[in-house]
């Protein structure tokens, strides 16, 4: 089943600009393909959000999947302000 979770970066290489940021929609970005696959397989939003945060990615469940992640304002979640 490991082949299901593997998405090669090679086919998306031409869509990245020279600074390394992506211009492809979030739903097609190979960095986030695992999380969209989890949603398709029926994982809950909370489980997908926890996996993304665990992996050091932004919480993609609150973003527009049709826009590149670099062009979106990432909401801050789970941040408590203590004086």
PDB file of N, CA and C in Angstrom:
ATOM      1  N   UNK A   1       0.813  -1.195   0.000  1.00  0.00           N
ATOM      2  CA  UNK A   1       0.000   0.000   0.000  1.00  0.00           C
ATOM      3  C   UNK A   1       0.856   1.259   0.000  1.00  0.00           C
ATOM      4  N   UNK A   2       2.170   1.126   0.115  1.00  0.00           N
ATOM      5  CA  UNK A   2       3.014   2.323   0.131  1.00  0.00           C
ATOM      6  C   UNK A   2       3.011   3.041  -1.207  1.00  0.00           C
ATOM      7  N   UNK A   3       2.761   2.336  -2.308  1.00  0.00           N
ATOM      8  CA  UNK A   3       2.728   2.996  -3.606  1.00  0.00           C
ATOM      9  C   UNK A   3       1.553   3.965  -3.710  1.00  0.00           C
ATOM     10  N   UNK A   4       0.506   3.760  -2.936  1.00  0.00           N
ATOM     11  CA  UNK A   4      -0.647   4.654  -2.945  1.00  0.00           C
ATOM     12  C   UNK A   4      -0.269   6.003  -2.349  1.00  0.00           C
ATOM     13  N   UNK A   5       0.602   5.999  -1.362  1.00  0.00           N
ATOM     14  CA  UNK A   5       0.963   7.230  -0.675  1.00  0.00           C
ATOM     15  C   UNK A   5       2.131   7.963  -1.323  1.00  0.00           C
ATOM     16  N   UNK A   6       2.655   7.457  -2.436  1.00  0.00           N
ATOM     17  CA  UNK A   6       3.829   8.065  -3.054  1.00  0.00           C
ATOM     18  C   UNK A   6       3.431   8.855  -4.297  1.00  0.00           C
ATOM     19  N   UNK A   7       3.795  10.135  -4.327  1.00  0.00           N
ATOM     20  CA  UNK A   7       3.570  10.978  -5.499  1.00  0.00           C
ATOM     21  C   UNK A   7       4.915  11.538  -5.924  1.00  0.00           C
ATOM     22  N   UNK A   8       5.398  11.209  -7.114  1.00  0.00           N
ATOM     23  CA  UNK A   8       6.704  11.703  -7.550  1.00  0.00           C
ATOM     24  C   UNK A   8       6.695  13.210  -7.791  1.00  0.00           C
ATOM     25  N   UNK A   9       7.770  13.882  -7.379  1.00  0.00           N
ATOM     26  CA  UNK A   9       7.906  15.321  -7.575  1.00  0.00           C
ATOM     27  C   UNK A   9       8.252  15.680  -9.018  1.00  0.00           C
ATOM     28  N   UNK A  10       8.812  14.765  -9.775  1.00  0.00           N
ATOM     29  CA  UNK A  10       9.296  15.061 -11.116  1.00  0.00           C
ATOM     30  C   UNK A  10       8.262  15.656 -12.043  1.00  0.00           C
ATOM     31  N   UNK A  11       7.045  15.198 -11.984  1.00  0.00           N
ATOM     32  CA  UNK A  11       6.049  15.704 -12.922  1.00  0.00           C
ATOM     33  C   UNK A  11       5.588  17.118 -12.598  1.00  0.00           C
ATOM     34  N   UNK A  12       5.901  17.634 -11.409  1.00  0.00           N
ATOM     35  CA  UNK A  12       5.528  18.987 -11.046  1.00  0.00           C
ATOM     36  C   UNK A  12       6.706  19.964 -11.103  1.00  0.00           C
ATOM     37  N   UNK A  13       7.876  19.479 -11.424  1.00  0.00           N
ATOM     38  CA  UNK A  13       9.081  20.307 -11.364  1.00  0.00           C
ATOM     39  C   UNK A  13       8.996  21.514 -12.288  1.00  0.00           C
ATOM     40  N   UNK A  14       8.376  21.397 -13.445  1.00  0.00           N
ATOM     41  CA  UNK A  14       8.307  22.515 -14.382  1.00  0.00           C
ATOM     42  C   UNK A  14       7.366  23.600 -13.915  1.00  0.00           C
ATOM     43  N   UNK A  15       6.519  23.330 -12.949  1.00  0.00           N
ATOM     44  CA  UNK A  15       5.559  24.310 -12.475  1.00  0.00           C
ATOM     45  C   UNK A  15       6.085  25.158 -11.319  1.00  0.00           C
ATOM     46  N   UNK A  16       7.291  24.875 -10.869  1.00  0.00           N
ATOM     47  CA  UNK A  16       7.869  25.657  -9.774  1.00  0.00           C
ATOM     48  C   UNK A  16       8.740  26.773 -10.367  1.00  0.00           C
ATOM     49  N   UNK A  17       8.660  27.949  -9.750  1.00  0.00           N
ATOM     50  CA  UNK A  17       9.478  29.042 -10.263  1.00  0.00           C
ATOM     51  C   UNK A  17      10.879  28.980  -9.671  1.00  0.00           C
ATOM     52  N   UNK A  18      11.747  29.921 -10.040  1.00  0.00           N
ATOM     53  CA  UNK A  18      13.151  29.837  -9.640  1.00  0.00           C
ATOM     54  C   UNK A  18      13.380  30.059  -8.149  1.00  0.00           C
ATOM     55  N   UNK A  19      12.420  30.568  -7.416  1.00  0.00           N
ATOM     56  CA  UNK A  19      12.580  30.759  -5.968  1.00  0.00           C
ATOM     57  C   UNK A  19      12.121  29.537  -5.189  1.00  0.00           C
ATOM     58  N   UNK A  20      11.616  28.534  -5.879  1.00  0.00           N
ATOM     59  CA  UNK A  20      11.188  27.322  -5.205  1.00  0.00           C
ATOM     60  C   UNK A  20       9.732  27.333  -4.781  1.00  0.00           C
ATOM     61  N   UNK A  21       9.067  28.481  -4.894  1.00  0.00           N
ATOM     62  CA  UNK A  21       7.657  28.499  -4.527  1.00  0.00           C
ATOM     63  C   UNK A  21       6.832  27.967  -5.686  1.00  0.00           C
ATOM     64  N   UNK A  22       5.688  27.500  -5.366  1.00  0.00           N
ATOM     65  CA  UNK A  22       4.873  26.830  -6.368  1.00  0.00           C
ATOM     66  C   UNK A  22       3.808  27.753  -6.940  1.00  0.00           C
ATOM     67  N   UNK A  23       3.424  27.490  -8.163  1.00  0.00           N
ATOM     68  CA  UNK A  23       2.361  28.255  -8.804  1.00  0.00           C
ATOM     69  C   UNK A  23       1.193  27.343  -9.153  1.00  0.00           C
ATOM     70  N   UNK A  24       1.212  26.119  -8.639  1.00  0.00           N
ATOM     71  CA  UNK A  24       0.126  25.185  -8.917  1.00  0.00           C
ATOM     72  C   UNK A  24      -0.878  25.219  -7.774  1.00  0.00           C
ATOM     73  N   UNK A  25      -2.124  24.872  -8.054  1.00  0.00           N
ATOM     74  CA  UNK A  25      -3.135  24.885  -6.991  1.00  0.00           C
ATOM     75  C   UNK A  25      -2.762  23.947  -5.842  1.00  0.00           C
ATOM     76  N   UNK A  26      -3.211  24.306  -4.673  1.00  0.00           N
ATOM     77  CA  UNK A  26      -2.911  23.516  -3.473  1.00  0.00           C
ATOM     78  C   UNK A  26      -3.336  22.065  -3.633  1.00  0.00           C
ATOM     79  N   UNK A  27      -4.482  21.835  -4.265  1.00  0.00           N
ATOM     80  CA  UNK A  27      -4.990  20.463  -4.412  1.00  0.00           C
ATOM     81  C   UNK A  27      -4.113  19.611  -5.329  1.00  0.00           C
ATOM     82  N   UNK A  28      -3.256  20.238  -6.154  1.00  0.00           N
ATOM     83  CA  UNK A  28      -2.360  19.495  -7.044  1.00  0.00           C
ATOM     84  C   UNK A  28      -0.904  19.534  -6.590  1.00  0.00           C
ATOM     85  N   UNK A  29      -0.625  20.226  -5.490  1.00  0.00           N
ATOM     86  CA  UNK A  29       0.742  20.355  -4.982  1.00  0.00           C
ATOM     87  C   UNK A  29       1.188  19.028  -4.370  1.00  0.00           C
ATOM     88  N   UNK A  30       2.321  18.477  -4.815  1.00  0.00           N
ATOM     89  CA  UNK A  30       2.761  17.184  -4.277  1.00  0.00           C
ATOM     90  C   UNK A  30       3.058  17.201  -2.781  1.00  0.00           C
ATOM     91  N   UNK A  31       3.370  18.367  -2.217  1.00  0.00           N
ATOM     92  CA  UNK A  31       3.632  18.445  -0.775  1.00  0.00           C
ATOM     93  C   UNK A  31       2.367  18.188   0.041  1.00  0.00           C
ATOM     94  N   UNK A  32       1.212  18.449  -0.545  1.00  0.00           N
ATOM     95  CA  UNK A  32      -0.049  18.311   0.171  1.00  0.00           C
ATOM     96  C   UNK A  32      -0.921  17.187  -0.378  1.00  0.00           C
ATOM     97  N   UNK A  33      -0.419  16.427  -1.336  1.00  0.00           N
ATOM     98  CA  UNK A  33      -1.224  15.365  -1.952  1.00  0.00           C
ATOM     99  C   UNK A  33      -1.629  14.300  -0.941  1.00  0.00           C
ATOM    100  N   UNK A  34      -0.781  14.005   0.010  1.00  0.00           N
ATOM    101  CA  UNK A  34      -1.103  13.005   1.033  1.00  0.00           C
ATOM    102  C   UNK A  34      -2.360  13.397   1.802  1.00  0.00           C
ATOM    103  N   UNK A  35      -2.478  14.673   2.155  1.00  0.00           N
ATOM    104  CA  UNK A  35      -3.589  15.132   2.971  1.00  0.00           C
ATOM    105  C   UNK A  35      -4.902  15.132   2.186  1.00  0.00           C
ATOM    106  N   UNK A  36      -4.843  15.483   0.897  1.00  0.00           N
ATOM    107  CA  UNK A  36      -6.043  15.403   0.073  1.00  0.00           C
ATOM    108  C   UNK A  36      -6.437  13.948  -0.153  1.00  0.00           C
ATOM    109  N   UNK A  37      -5.457  13.082  -0.250  1.00  0.00           N
ATOM    110  CA  UNK A  37      -5.735  11.654  -0.393  1.00  0.00           C
ATOM    111  C   UNK A  37      -6.397  11.109   0.878  1.00  0.00           C
ATOM    112  N   UNK A  38      -5.926  11.589   2.031  1.00  0.00           N
ATOM    113  CA  UNK A  38      -6.544  11.175   3.291  1.00  0.00           C
ATOM    114  C   UNK A  38      -8.022  11.571   3.325  1.00  0.00           C
ATOM    115  N   UNK A  39      -8.321  12.781   2.843  1.00  0.00           N
ATOM    116  CA  UNK A  39      -9.716  13.228   2.806  1.00  0.00           C
ATOM    117  C   UNK A  39     -10.554  12.360   1.872  1.00  0.00           C
ATOM    118  N   UNK A  40      -9.988  12.023   0.714  1.00  0.00           N
ATOM    119  CA  UNK A  40     -10.711  11.163  -0.232  1.00  0.00           C
ATOM    120  C   UNK A  40     -10.976   9.779   0.351  1.00  0.00           C
ATOM    121  N   UNK A  41     -10.069   9.278   1.171  1.00  0.00           N
ATOM    122  CA  UNK A  41     -10.233   7.954   1.764  1.00  0.00           C
ATOM    123  C   UNK A  41     -11.134   7.956   2.992  1.00  0.00           C
ATOM    124  N   UNK A  42     -11.634   9.136   3.382  1.00  0.00           N
ATOM    125  CA  UNK A  42     -12.601   9.195   4.466  1.00  0.00           C
ATOM    126  C   UNK A  42     -12.066   9.583   5.825  1.00  0.00           C
ATOM    127  N   UNK A  43     -10.813  10.015   5.912  1.00  0.00           N
ATOM    128  CA  UNK A  43     -10.296  10.498   7.195  1.00  0.00           C
ATOM    129  C   UNK A  43     -11.054  11.765   7.577  1.00  0.00           C
ATOM    130  N   UNK A  44     -11.191  12.001   8.864  1.00  0.00           N
ATOM    131  CA  UNK A  44     -11.871  13.211   9.313  1.00  0.00           C
ATOM    132  C   UNK A  44     -10.976  14.430   9.103  1.00  0.00           C
ATOM    133  N   UNK A  45     -11.612  15.596   9.069  1.00  0.00           N
ATOM    134  CA  UNK A  45     -10.860  16.852   8.907  1.00  0.00           C
ATOM    135  C   UNK A  45      -9.867  17.009  10.056  1.00  0.00           C
ATOM    136  N   UNK A  46     -10.283  16.654  11.255  1.00  0.00           N
ATOM    137  CA  UNK A  46      -9.404  16.762  12.420  1.00  0.00           C
ATOM    138  C   UNK A  46      -8.165  15.891  12.294  1.00  0.00           C
ATOM    139  N   UNK A  47      -8.330  14.685  11.762  1.00  0.00           N
ATOM    140  CA  UNK A  47      -7.185  13.788  11.581  1.00  0.00           C
ATOM    141  C   UNK A  47      -6.234  14.327  10.519  1.00  0.00           C
ATOM    142  N   UNK A  48      -6.790  14.882   9.450  1.00  0.00           N
ATOM    143  CA  UNK A  48      -5.956  15.456   8.388  1.00  0.00           C
ATOM    144  C   UNK A  48      -5.218  16.681   8.904  1.00  0.00           C
ATOM    145  N   UNK A  49      -5.922  17.518   9.650  1.00  0.00           N
ATOM    146  CA  UNK A  49      -5.311  18.722  10.225  1.00  0.00           C
ATOM    147  C   UNK A  49      -4.178  18.343  11.175  1.00  0.00           C
ATOM    148  N   UNK A  50      -4.399  17.346  12.016  1.00  0.00           N
ATOM    149  CA  UNK A  50      -3.374  16.903  12.967  1.00  0.00           C
ATOM    150  C   UNK A  50      -2.154  16.339  12.234  1.00  0.00           C
ATOM    151  N   UNK A  51      -2.385  15.592  11.162  1.00  0.00           N
ATOM    152  CA  UNK A  51      -1.272  15.027  10.391  1.00  0.00           C
ATOM    153  C   UNK A  51      -0.460  16.131   9.725  1.00  0.00           C
ATOM    154  N   UNK A  52      -1.122  17.137   9.183  1.00  0.00           N
ATOM    155  CA  UNK A  52      -0.420  18.247   8.531  1.00  0.00           C
ATOM    156  C   UNK A  52       0.425  19.020   9.541  1.00  0.00           C
ATOM    157  N   UNK A  53      -0.150  19.295  10.695  1.00  0.00           N
ATOM    158  CA  UNK A  53       0.580  20.031  11.736  1.00  0.00           C
ATOM    159  C   UNK A  53       1.745  19.194  12.251  1.00  0.00           C
ATOM    160  N   UNK A  54       1.523  17.898  12.419  1.00  0.00           N
ATOM    161  CA  UNK A  54       2.589  16.987  12.858  1.00  0.00           C
ATOM    162  C   UNK A  54       3.750  16.994  11.872  1.00  0.00           C
ATOM    163  N   UNK A  55       3.431  17.081  10.574  1.00  0.00           N
ATOM    164  CA  UNK A  55       4.462  17.067   9.537  1.00  0.00           C
ATOM    165  C   UNK A  55       5.063  18.443   9.266  1.00  0.00           C
ATOM    166  N   UNK A  56       4.627  19.459  10.008  1.00  0.00           N
ATOM    167  CA  UNK A  56       5.194  20.798   9.850  1.00  0.00           C
ATOM    168  C   UNK A  56       4.637  21.567   8.675  1.00  0.00           C
ATOM    169  N   UNK A  57       3.487  21.175   8.169  1.00  0.00           N
ATOM    170  CA  UNK A  57       2.829  21.863   7.051  1.00  0.00           C
ATOM    171  C   UNK A  57       1.768  22.801   7.602  1.00  0.00           C
ATOM    172  N   UNK A  58       1.327  23.725   6.752  1.00  0.00           N
ATOM    173  CA  UNK A  58       0.240  24.616   7.163  1.00  0.00           C
ATOM    174  C   UNK A  58      -1.058  23.820   7.189  1.00  0.00           C
ATOM    175  N   UNK A  59      -2.019  24.312   7.922  1.00  0.00           N
ATOM    176  CA  UNK A  59      -3.315  23.658   8.024  1.00  0.00           C
ATOM    177  C   UNK A  59      -4.081  23.879   6.722  1.00  0.00           C
ATOM    178  N   UNK A  60      -3.926  22.958   5.785  1.00  0.00           N
ATOM    179  CA  UNK A  60      -4.498  23.117   4.461  1.00  0.00           C
ATOM    180  C   UNK A  60      -6.006  22.931   4.438  1.00  0.00           C
ATOM    181  N   UNK A  61      -6.599  22.468   5.524  1.00  0.00           N
ATOM    182  CA  UNK A  61      -8.045  22.289   5.550  1.00  0.00           C
ATOM    183  C   UNK A  61      -8.782  23.613   5.606  1.00  0.00           C
ATOM    184  N   UNK A  62      -8.070  24.689   5.931  1.00  0.00           N
ATOM    185  CA  UNK A  62      -8.683  26.014   6.017  1.00  0.00           C
ATOM    186  C   UNK A  62      -8.315  26.901   4.836  1.00  0.00           C
ATOM    187  N   UNK A  63      -7.682  26.331   3.820  1.00  0.00           N
ATOM    188  CA  UNK A  63      -7.254  27.103   2.662  1.00  0.00           C
ATOM    189  C   UNK A  63      -8.076  26.752   1.430  1.00  0.00           C
ATOM    190  N   UNK A  64      -8.003  27.610   0.426  1.00  0.00           N
ATOM    191  CA  UNK A  64      -8.685  27.380  -0.844  1.00  0.00           C
ATOM    192  C   UNK A  64      -7.862  26.401  -1.669  1.00  0.00           C
ATOM    193  N   UNK A  65      -8.402  25.232  -2.013  1.00  0.00           N
ATOM    194  CA  UNK A  65      -7.621  24.240  -2.751  1.00  0.00           C
ATOM    195  C   UNK A  65      -7.327  24.642  -4.192  1.00  0.00           C
ATOM    196  N   UNK A  66      -8.004  25.669  -4.709  1.00  0.00           N
ATOM    197  CA  UNK A  66      -7.802  26.086  -6.093  1.00  0.00           C
ATOM    198  C   UNK A  66      -6.718  27.148  -6.255  1.00  0.00           C
ATOM    199  N   UNK A  67      -6.166  27.647  -5.153  1.00  0.00           N
ATOM    200  CA  UNK A  67      -5.104  28.646  -5.202  1.00  0.00           C
ATOM    201  C   UNK A  67      -3.802  28.059  -4.682  1.00  0.00           C
ATOM    202  N   UNK A  68      -2.658  28.540  -5.178  1.00  0.00           N
ATOM    203  CA  UNK A  68      -1.369  28.087  -4.620  1.00  0.00           C
ATOM    204  C   UNK A  68      -1.242  28.517  -3.170  1.00  0.00           C
ATOM    205  N   UNK A  69      -0.574  27.704  -2.376  1.00  0.00           N
ATOM    206  CA  UNK A  69      -0.444  27.995  -0.946  1.00  0.00           C
ATOM    207  C   UNK A  69       0.316  29.297  -0.717  1.00  0.00           C
ATOM    208  N   UNK A  70       1.253  29.636  -1.591  1.00  0.00           N
ATOM    209  CA  UNK A  70       2.025  30.867  -1.445  1.00  0.00           C
ATOM    210  C   UNK A  70       1.212  32.127  -1.670  1.00  0.00           C
ATOM    211  N   UNK A  71       0.061  32.018  -2.301  1.00  0.00           N
ATOM    212  CA  UNK A  71      -0.778  33.182  -2.579  1.00  0.00           C
ATOM    213  C   UNK A  71      -1.917  33.322  -1.581  1.00  0.00           C
ATOM    214  N   UNK A  72      -1.927  32.504  -0.547  1.00  0.00           N
ATOM    215  CA  UNK A  72      -3.017  32.529   0.419  1.00  0.00           C
ATOM    216  C   UNK A  72      -2.547  33.011   1.777  1.00  0.00           C
ATOM    217  N   UNK A  73      -3.455  33.604   2.485  1.00  0.00           N
ATOM    218  CA  UNK A  73      -3.174  34.019   3.855  1.00  0.00           C
ATOM    219  C   UNK A  73      -3.470  32.830   4.756  1.00  0.00           C
ATOM    220  N   UNK A  74      -2.457  32.358   5.432  1.00  0.00           N
ATOM    221  CA  UNK A  74      -2.594  31.163   6.267  1.00  0.00           C
ATOM    222  C   UNK A  74      -3.134  31.576   7.630  1.00  0.00           C
ATOM    223  N   UNK A  75      -4.307  31.038   8.013  1.00  0.00           N
ATOM    224  CA  UNK A  75      -4.868  31.392   9.327  1.00  0.00           C
ATOM    225  C   UNK A  75      -4.055  30.794  10.454  1.00  0.00           C
ATOM    226  N   UNK A  76      -3.963  31.524  11.539  1.00  0.00           N
ATOM    227  CA  UNK A  76      -3.246  31.025  12.725  1.00  0.00           C
ATOM    228  C   UNK A  76      -4.233  30.278  13.585  1.00  0.00           C
ATOM    229  N   UNK A  77      -3.902  29.035  13.871  1.00  0.00           N
ATOM    230  CA  UNK A  77      -4.774  28.205  14.689  1.00  0.00           C
ATOM    231  C   UNK A  77      -3.997  27.641  15.864  1.00  0.00           C
ATOM    232  N   UNK A  78      -4.672  27.489  16.966  1.00  0.00           N
ATOM    233  CA  UNK A  78      -4.056  26.852  18.124  1.00  0.00           C
ATOM    234  C   UNK A  78      -2.994  27.690  18.804  1.00  0.00           C
ATOM    235  N   UNK A  79      -2.988  28.985  18.555  1.00  0.00           N
ATOM    236  CA  UNK A  79      -1.999  29.858  19.183  1.00  0.00           C
ATOM    237  C   UNK A  79      -2.657  30.549  20.346  1.00  0.00           C
ATOM    238  N   UNK A  80      -2.152  30.313  21.532  1.00  0.00           N
ATOM    239  CA  UNK A  80      -2.685  30.978  22.714  1.00  0.00           C
ATOM    240  C   UNK A  80      -1.763  32.112  23.104  1.00  0.00           C
ATOM    241  N   UNK A  81      -2.365  33.235  23.395  1.00  0.00           N
ATOM    242  CA  UNK A  81      -1.557  34.390  23.781  1.00  0.00           C
ATOM    243  C   UNK A  81      -1.560  34.490  25.303  1.00  0.00           C
ATOM    244  N   UNK A  82      -0.373  34.355  25.861  1.00  0.00           N
ATOM    245  CA  UNK A  82      -0.211  34.418  27.310  1.00  0.00           C
ATOM    246  C   UNK A  82       0.625  35.643  27.640  1.00  0.00           C
ATOM    247  N   UNK A  83       0.119  36.458  28.572  1.00  0.00           N
ATOM    248  CA  UNK A  83       0.880  37.658  28.960  1.00  0.00           C
ATOM    249  C   UNK A  83       1.930  37.346  29.991  1.00  0.00           C
TER     250      UNK A  83
END
